[in-house]
Amino acid sequence: MLSAALVLAIAGVAASVLLGEHGVAHLLRLRAERRAIGLYLEGLARRQLGLVRPNEFVYRFRRD
C-alpha cells in the first residue's frame, strides 16, 4: 500500500514537471528568451557604446 502511494506521488511530481505550467516547456521558453535578450543587449552595447569582445579586431574606414 505504501509503495503504491509512493509510486503515485512520484508519477504525479513527474507529470507536474513535464506538463505543468512551470515545467520543462516553460524553462525552455525562458532560456530562449534570455538568449534573445542577451543578443539584443550585446548588439545595443556594440552599436551605442562601441564595445568589442576580447581578441576581436575593429576596422574603421574613413569616409571621403
Protein backbone atom coordinates (compact mmCIF):
# COMPACT_ATOMS: atom_id res chain seq x y z
CA MET A 1 0.00 0.00 0.00
CA LEU A 2 2.78 2.43 0.93
CA SER A 3 4.83 1.60 -2.16
CA ALA A 4 1.79 2.18 -4.40
CA ALA A 5 1.26 5.58 -2.79
CA LEU A 6 4.92 6.46 -3.32
CA VAL A 7 4.74 5.41 -6.96
CA LEU A 8 1.64 7.56 -7.46
CA ALA A 9 3.31 10.51 -5.73
CA ILE A 10 6.42 10.18 -7.88
CA ALA A 11 4.29 9.89 -11.02
CA GLY A 12 2.35 12.99 -10.00
CA VAL A 13 5.54 15.01 -9.45
CA ALA A 14 6.98 13.80 -12.76
CA ALA A 15 3.78 14.74 -14.59
CA SER A 16 3.81 18.16 -12.97
CA VAL A 17 7.41 18.75 -14.01
CA LEU A 18 6.80 17.64 -17.58
CA LEU A 19 3.32 19.03 -18.21
CA GLY A 20 2.76 21.69 -15.56
CA GLU A 21 2.54 25.44 -16.03
CA HIS A 22 6.08 25.94 -14.75
CA GLY A 23 7.52 22.73 -16.12
CA VAL A 24 10.18 21.89 -18.66
CA ALA A 25 8.47 23.69 -21.55
CA HIS A 26 8.35 26.91 -19.51
CA LEU A 27 12.02 26.53 -18.64
CA LEU A 28 12.94 26.10 -22.31
CA ARG A 29 10.92 29.22 -23.26
CA LEU A 30 12.67 31.22 -20.54
CA ARG A 31 16.10 30.08 -21.73
CA ALA A 32 15.30 31.09 -25.31
CA GLU A 33 14.01 34.46 -24.12
CA ARG A 34 17.16 35.04 -22.04
CA ARG A 35 19.34 34.18 -25.04
CA ALA A 36 17.40 36.60 -27.28
CA ILE A 37 17.62 39.39 -24.70
CA GLY A 38 21.35 38.77 -24.30
CA LEU A 39 21.90 39.04 -28.04
CA TYR A 40 19.83 42.24 -28.15
CA LEU A 41 21.82 43.79 -25.30
CA GLU A 42 25.11 42.81 -26.90
CA GLY A 43 24.09 44.43 -30.18
CA LEU A 44 22.94 47.53 -28.35
CA ALA A 45 26.23 47.80 -26.45
CA ARG A 46 28.22 47.33 -29.64
CA ARG A 47 26.28 50.00 -31.56
CA GLN A 48 25.84 52.63 -28.89
CA LEU A 49 28.95 52.14 -26.75
CA GLY A 50 31.37 50.73 -29.31
CA LEU A 51 32.18 47.70 -27.15
CA VAL A 52 34.06 44.73 -28.55
CA ARG A 53 34.92 41.29 -27.23
CA PRO A 54 38.45 40.31 -26.19
CA ASN A 55 40.63 39.23 -29.15
CA GLU A 56 38.28 40.95 -31.59
CA PHE A 57 39.52 43.45 -34.15
CA VAL A 58 37.65 46.57 -35.20
CA TYR A 59 38.36 48.08 -38.60
CA ARG A 60 37.36 51.69 -39.12
CA PHE A 61 37.27 53.10 -42.61
CA ARG A 62 37.47 56.78 -43.38
CA ARG A 63 34.71 58.35 -45.33
CA ASP A 64 35.74 60.61 -48.18
